């Protein structure tokens, strides 16, 4: 089983927000006003889905 980590996350800036996504999980993304917020929102979503994240 692969446990996701920060190295699995890609960040991009769009308009006035940031998008964090995991390419290995199509459609798995989250946004935030800052890159940090986008990453935290993505981690929360993964946890809610029961996906292991370290």
Protein backbone atom coordinates (compact mmCIF):
# COMPACT_ATOMS: atom_id res chain seq x y z
CA UNK A 1 0.00 0.00 0.00
CA UNK A 2 1.36 3.40 -0.99
CA UNK A 3 1.10 6.10 1.67
CA UNK A 4 0.86 9.56 0.17
CA UNK A 5 3.29 12.29 1.20
CA UNK A 6 4.08 15.91 0.35
CA UNK A 7 6.17 14.77 -2.63
CA UNK A 8 2.99 13.39 -4.25
CA UNK A 9 1.27 16.83 -4.26
CA UNK A 10 1.54 19.29 -7.13
CA UNK A 11 0.65 22.97 -6.65
CA UNK A 12 -0.35 25.48 -9.28
CA UNK A 13 -1.57 29.04 -9.12
CA UNK A 14 -4.77 29.97 -10.93
CA UNK A 15 -6.25 33.45 -10.90
CA UNK A 16 -6.18 34.48 -7.24
CA UNK A 17 -5.97 31.04 -5.65
CA UNK A 18 -3.85 27.91 -5.49
CA UNK A 19 -4.76 24.37 -6.52
CA UNK A 20 -3.21 21.32 -4.83
CA UNK A 21 -3.64 18.00 -6.58
CA UNK A 22 -2.33 14.47 -6.65
CA UNK A 23 -1.74 13.31 -10.24
CA UNK A 24 -1.98 9.62 -9.28
CA UNK A 25 -5.57 10.23 -8.10
CA UNK A 26 -7.46 11.80 -11.01
CA UNK A 27 -9.95 14.40 -9.82
CA UNK A 28 -8.37 14.65 -6.37
CA UNK A 29 -7.71 18.34 -5.84
CA UNK A 30 -8.42 21.19 -3.44
CA UNK A 31 -8.04 24.93 -3.53
CA UNK A 32 -7.06 27.69 -1.15
CA UNK A 33 -6.13 31.34 -1.01
CA UNK A 34 -2.54 30.32 -0.24
CA UNK A 35 -0.54 27.26 -1.29
CA UNK A 36 -0.44 26.14 2.34
CA UNK A 37 -4.23 26.38 2.65
CA UNK A 38 -4.71 24.38 -0.56
CA UNK A 39 -2.42 21.63 0.75
CA UNK A 40 -4.21 21.54 4.12
CA UNK A 41 -7.59 21.35 2.36
CA UNK A 42 -6.32 18.48 0.21
CA UNK A 43 -5.00 16.60 3.25
CA UNK A 44 -8.39 17.03 4.95
CA UNK A 45 -10.21 15.69 1.88
CA UNK A 46 -7.89 12.67 1.72
CA UNK A 47 -8.51 11.95 5.39
CA UNK A 48 -12.27 12.15 4.88
CA UNK A 49 -11.94 9.63 2.03
CA UNK A 50 -9.94 7.28 4.25
CA UNK A 51 -6.72 7.65 2.25
CA UNK A 52 -3.49 7.34 4.24
CA UNK A 53 -1.42 10.50 4.26
CA UNK A 54 1.82 11.13 6.13
